[in-house]
Amino acid sequence: MVENVRRSVSALSSLPALTVSNLALAFLGLPLFVLALGVFDADIPSVVSIGIQWALAGIVVGIALRGEGLSLADLGFRRPAWIDLGYIVGTSVVILLIYTMTDPLVTALGFSVKEASAAGASVGIGVALARAVTTGVVEEILYRGYPIERLLAYTDSSLVAGGITWGVFTAAHALNWPLGNLLQTALVAAVLTLVYLSRRTLVPVVGAHVLVWVFSVLGQFYG
C-alpha cells in the first residue's frame, strides 16, 4: 500500500501546467479573497461577495472545459441516482451530529468557537439563504468535484486525491475560523470527501452542504 501511495504521489509531477494552475486557483482563490479582505480591512456588501464566489467557480469550470478540454461529467456534474437523495439526508444528519457532539468537547478543551449563525446576523434572510447556497455549491465545486476528479485522473488513488483535497479544504478555513471550528471542519470535510469518492457526483455533497447551512440560517432567524 505504501508503495502504491508513493507511486501515486509521484504521478502528480505529470500534471499539465494548466491543470496545476487551475488547481491552485480552485484551492487558493477563496482563501486569498478572505485574506485580502482582512489585510485591507474591507467591508464589501454580501451580494458582491456572493458574486465574486460564483465568478471564481465559473472561471475554474470555464478553464477546465475550454482550456483542459474536459466535460462537465469530468468535474463531478454527473446525473444522480435516487439513492443520492438518501445520501443528502444521511450526510446532512451526520454533519449536524458532528457539530452537536463536538461542541462540548472543543469547549472543554478550551478551544474557541465562532457561531456559524453569526455570519448572517447583519443581513436579511434572503441574502443569508443566498449566501448559504453559494457556500455549499461553490466550495463543493472548488474543493471536491474539480480537484478530486483531476487528481484521480493522474494518481488513480482515492487516498491521495481525497487526502490532498481534505487537507487543503481544512487549511483554507484556518483563515477565518478559530481552532474549535477548524477541528469540526476537518471532520465535516472528511465526511464530504468520503461521500464524494463513494458517489462521484456533486449532487449529494452539494445538497448536504447547502442543507446544513440553510438549516443554520433558518435556526438563526426562526429558532
Protein backbone atom coordinates (compact mmCIF):
# COMPACT_ATOMS: atom_id res chain seq x y z
CA MET A 1 0.00 0.00 0.00
CA VAL A 2 2.83 2.39 0.88
CA GLU A 3 4.45 1.74 -2.47
CA ASN A 4 1.15 2.39 -4.28
CA VAL A 5 0.74 5.69 -2.46
CA ARG A 6 4.32 6.67 -3.26
CA ARG A 7 3.74 5.86 -6.92
CA SER A 8 0.50 7.87 -6.94
CA VAL A 9 2.18 10.88 -5.34
CA SER A 10 5.00 10.77 -7.87
CA ALA A 11 2.37 10.80 -10.63
CA LEU A 12 1.46 14.33 -9.55
CA SER A 13 4.58 15.52 -11.37
CA SER A 14 2.89 14.65 -14.66
CA LEU A 15 0.05 17.13 -14.12
CA PRO A 16 -0.10 19.63 -17.01
CA ALA A 17 0.83 23.22 -16.17
CA LEU A 18 -2.70 24.43 -16.93
CA THR A 19 -4.19 21.86 -14.56
CA VAL A 20 -1.74 22.83 -11.83
CA SER A 21 -2.64 26.49 -12.31
CA ASN A 22 -6.36 25.77 -12.24
CA LEU A 23 -6.00 23.61 -9.14
CA ALA A 24 -4.12 26.48 -7.48
CA LEU A 25 -6.94 28.85 -8.42
CA ALA A 26 -9.56 26.44 -7.07
CA PHE A 27 -7.67 25.80 -3.84
CA LEU A 28 -6.38 29.31 -3.13
CA GLY A 29 -8.95 31.63 -4.70
CA LEU A 30 -11.34 31.81 -1.76
CA PRO A 31 -8.66 31.89 0.98
CA LEU A 32 -6.81 34.72 -0.80
CA PHE A 33 -10.08 36.61 -1.17
CA VAL A 34 -10.72 36.28 2.57
CA LEU A 35 -7.11 37.23 3.31
CA ALA A 36 -7.33 40.34 1.13
CA LEU A 37 -10.48 41.48 2.91
CA GLY A 38 -8.68 41.16 6.23
CA VAL A 39 -5.46 42.84 5.12
CA PHE A 40 -7.26 45.85 3.67
CA ASP A 41 -9.94 45.82 6.38
CA ALA A 42 -12.52 45.85 3.59
CA ASP A 43 -16.22 45.51 4.25
CA ILE A 44 -17.90 44.70 0.96
CA PRO A 45 -21.65 44.07 0.51
CA SER A 46 -22.72 40.45 0.86
CA VAL A 47 -24.15 40.48 -2.65
CA VAL A 48 -20.74 41.45 -4.05
CA SER A 49 -19.05 38.69 -2.05
CA ILE A 50 -21.57 36.17 -3.35
CA GLY A 51 -20.95 37.33 -6.91
CA ILE A 52 -17.18 37.01 -6.55
CA GLN A 53 -17.51 33.45 -5.27
CA TRP A 54 -19.74 32.43 -8.18
CA ALA A 55 -17.37 34.15 -10.60
CA LEU A 56 -14.41 32.22 -9.18
CA ALA A 57 -16.24 28.91 -9.57
CA GLY A 58 -17.25 29.90 -13.09
CA ILE A 59 -13.67 30.74 -14.05
CA VAL A 60 -12.35 27.41 -12.72
CA VAL A 61 -15.07 25.48 -14.55
CA GLY A 62 -14.53 27.54 -17.71
CA ILE A 63 -10.79 26.85 -17.74
CA ALA A 64 -11.46 23.16 -17.18
CA LEU A 65 -13.95 22.98 -20.04
CA ARG A 66 -12.29 25.24 -22.61
CA GLY A 67 -8.63 25.03 -21.63
CA GLU A 68 -8.30 21.45 -20.38
CA GLY A 69 -10.90 20.05 -22.76
CA LEU A 70 -12.92 18.34 -20.04
CA SER A 71 -16.64 17.66 -19.91
CA LEU A 72 -18.98 18.63 -17.08
CA ALA A 73 -19.04 14.96 -16.06
CA ASP A 74 -15.26 15.13 -15.65
CA LEU A 75 -15.83 17.81 -12.99
CA GLY A 76 -18.36 15.86 -10.97
CA PHE A 77 -21.51 17.14 -12.69
CA ARG A 78 -22.91 13.66 -13.17
CA ARG A 79 -26.53 12.59 -13.15
CA PRO A 80 -27.52 11.45 -9.66
CA ALA A 81 -29.41 8.29 -8.77
CA TRP A 82 -32.38 8.10 -6.42
CA ILE A 83 -30.08 6.78 -3.71
CA ASP A 84 -28.33 10.15 -3.69
CA LEU A 85 -31.40 11.63 -2.01
CA GLY A 86 -30.67 9.30 0.86
CA TYR A 87 -27.04 10.37 0.81
CA ILE A 88 -28.09 14.02 1.04
CA VAL A 89 -30.26 13.38 4.08
CA GLY A 90 -27.84 10.98 5.73
CA THR A 91 -24.80 13.19 5.17
CA SER A 92 -26.67 16.23 6.49
CA VAL A 93 -27.62 14.34 9.64
CA VAL A 94 -24.04 13.17 10.19
CA ILE A 95 -22.68 16.71 9.76
CA LEU A 96 -25.22 18.15 12.19
CA LEU A 97 -24.35 15.40 14.68
CA ILE A 98 -20.66 16.25 14.34
CA TYR A 99 -21.32 19.85 15.31
CA THR A 100 -23.70 18.88 18.12
CA MET A 101 -21.49 16.19 19.63
CA THR A 102 -18.17 18.02 19.32
CA ASP A 103 -19.32 21.36 20.72
CA PRO A 104 -18.96 20.19 24.36
CA LEU A 105 -15.57 18.62 23.56
CA VAL A 106 -14.00 21.70 21.95
CA THR A 107 -15.41 23.84 24.76
CA ALA A 108 -13.94 21.52 27.40
CA LEU A 109 -10.57 21.68 25.65
CA GLY A 110 -10.71 25.46 25.80
CA PHE A 111 -10.80 25.93 22.03
CA SER A 112 -12.64 29.00 20.82
CA VAL A 113 -15.70 28.54 18.62
CA LYS A 114 -17.46 31.07 16.42
CA GLU A 115 -21.18 30.64 15.93
CA ALA A 116 -21.88 29.95 12.27
CA SER A 117 -25.20 31.76 12.50
CA ALA A 118 -23.40 34.97 13.42
CA ALA A 119 -22.25 35.29 9.81
CA GLY A 120 -25.79 36.16 8.74
CA ALA A 121 -26.65 38.44 11.62
CA SER A 122 -26.24 41.68 9.65
CA VAL A 123 -28.23 40.72 6.55
CA GLY A 124 -31.80 39.75 5.73
CA ILE A 125 -32.95 36.19 5.38
CA GLY A 126 -32.94 36.32 1.59
CA VAL A 127 -29.27 37.28 1.39
CA ALA A 128 -28.39 34.85 4.18
CA LEU A 129 -30.03 31.99 2.28
CA ALA A 130 -28.30 33.04 -0.94
CA ARG A 131 -25.00 33.01 0.91
CA ALA A 132 -25.75 29.55 2.30
CA VAL A 133 -26.50 28.17 -1.15
CA THR A 134 -23.41 29.87 -2.58
CA THR A 135 -21.15 28.42 0.09
CA GLY A 136 -22.46 24.91 -0.45
CA VAL A 137 -22.28 24.93 -4.23
CA VAL A 138 -19.06 26.88 -4.76
CA GLU A 139 -16.99 25.10 -2.10
CA GLU A 140 -18.00 21.67 -3.38
CA ILE A 141 -17.03 22.56 -6.94
CA LEU A 142 -13.69 24.06 -5.90
CA TYR A 143 -12.69 21.58 -3.19
CA ARG A 144 -14.40 18.33 -4.13
CA GLY A 145 -15.62 17.96 -7.70
CA TYR A 146 -12.94 19.52 -9.87
CA PRO A 147 -9.79 18.78 -7.81
CA ILE A 148 -10.69 15.23 -6.79
CA GLU A 149 -11.52 14.29 -10.37
CA ARG A 150 -8.32 15.81 -11.75
CA LEU A 151 -6.14 14.25 -9.07
CA LEU A 152 -7.82 10.87 -9.53
CA ALA A 153 -7.23 11.04 -13.27
CA TYR A 154 -3.47 11.26 -12.75
CA THR A 155 -2.86 9.39 -9.50
CA ASP A 156 -5.60 6.75 -9.68
CA SER A 157 -5.62 6.92 -5.88
CA SER A 158 -8.65 7.87 -3.81
CA LEU A 159 -6.37 8.17 -0.78
CA VAL A 160 -4.09 10.72 -2.44
CA ALA A 161 -6.85 12.69 -4.17
CA GLY A 162 -9.10 12.68 -1.13
CA GLY A 163 -6.27 13.36 1.31
CA ILE A 164 -4.97 16.37 -0.60
CA THR A 165 -8.37 17.97 -1.05
CA TRP A 166 -9.35 17.27 2.56
CA GLY A 167 -6.16 18.89 3.83
CA VAL A 168 -6.46 21.95 1.61
CA PHE A 169 -10.15 22.46 2.43
CA THR A 170 -9.42 22.28 6.15
CA ALA A 171 -6.42 24.59 5.92
CA ALA A 172 -8.39 27.10 3.84
CA HIS A 173 -10.81 27.58 6.73
CA ALA A 174 -7.98 28.41 9.13
CA LEU A 175 -8.03 31.99 7.86
CA ASN A 176 -11.44 32.82 9.29
CA TRP A 177 -12.35 30.06 11.77
CA PRO A 178 -10.91 29.59 15.29
CA LEU A 179 -9.37 26.28 16.34
CA GLY A 180 -12.58 24.77 17.67
CA ASN A 181 -14.41 25.33 14.40
CA LEU A 182 -11.37 24.15 12.47
CA LEU A 183 -11.43 20.76 14.19
CA GLN A 184 -15.12 20.43 13.38
CA THR A 185 -14.46 21.50 9.80
CA ALA A 186 -11.81 18.79 9.44
CA LEU A 187 -14.33 16.13 10.48
CA VAL A 188 -17.04 17.53 8.20
CA ALA A 189 -14.58 17.73 5.30
CA ALA A 190 -13.66 14.08 5.83
CA VAL A 191 -17.32 13.07 5.62
CA LEU A 192 -17.97 15.12 2.48
CA THR A 193 -14.81 13.78 0.84
CA LEU A 194 -15.75 10.17 1.57
CA VAL A 195 -19.28 10.71 0.24
CA TYR A 196 -17.98 12.27 -2.95
CA LEU A 197 -15.47 9.48 -3.52
CA SER A 198 -18.26 6.97 -2.94
CA ARG A 199 -20.78 8.57 -5.31
CA ARG A 200 -18.57 10.53 -7.78
CA THR A 201 -21.29 13.12 -8.30
CA LEU A 202 -21.56 16.58 -6.75
CA VAL A 203 -25.27 16.22 -6.01
CA PRO A 204 -25.10 14.54 -2.56
CA VAL A 205 -22.27 16.71 -1.23
CA VAL A 206 -23.69 19.96 -2.59
CA GLY A 207 -27.14 19.01 -1.32
CA ALA A 208 -25.88 18.19 2.17
CA HIS A 209 -23.58 21.22 2.37
CA VAL A 210 -26.38 23.57 1.32
CA LEU A 211 -28.94 21.89 3.56
CA VAL A 212 -26.77 22.23 6.66
CA TRP A 213 -26.11 25.93 6.01
CA VAL A 214 -29.78 26.60 5.25
CA PHE A 215 -30.72 24.83 8.48
CA SER A 216 -28.30 27.12 10.33
CA VAL A 217 -29.76 30.23 8.70
CA LEU A 218 -33.34 29.23 9.46
CA GLY A 219 -32.33 28.47 13.03
CA GLN A 220 -30.88 31.94 13.34
CA PHE A 221 -33.97 33.71 12.03
CA TYR A 222 -36.72 31.47 13.38
CA GLY A 223 -35.10 29.42 16.15
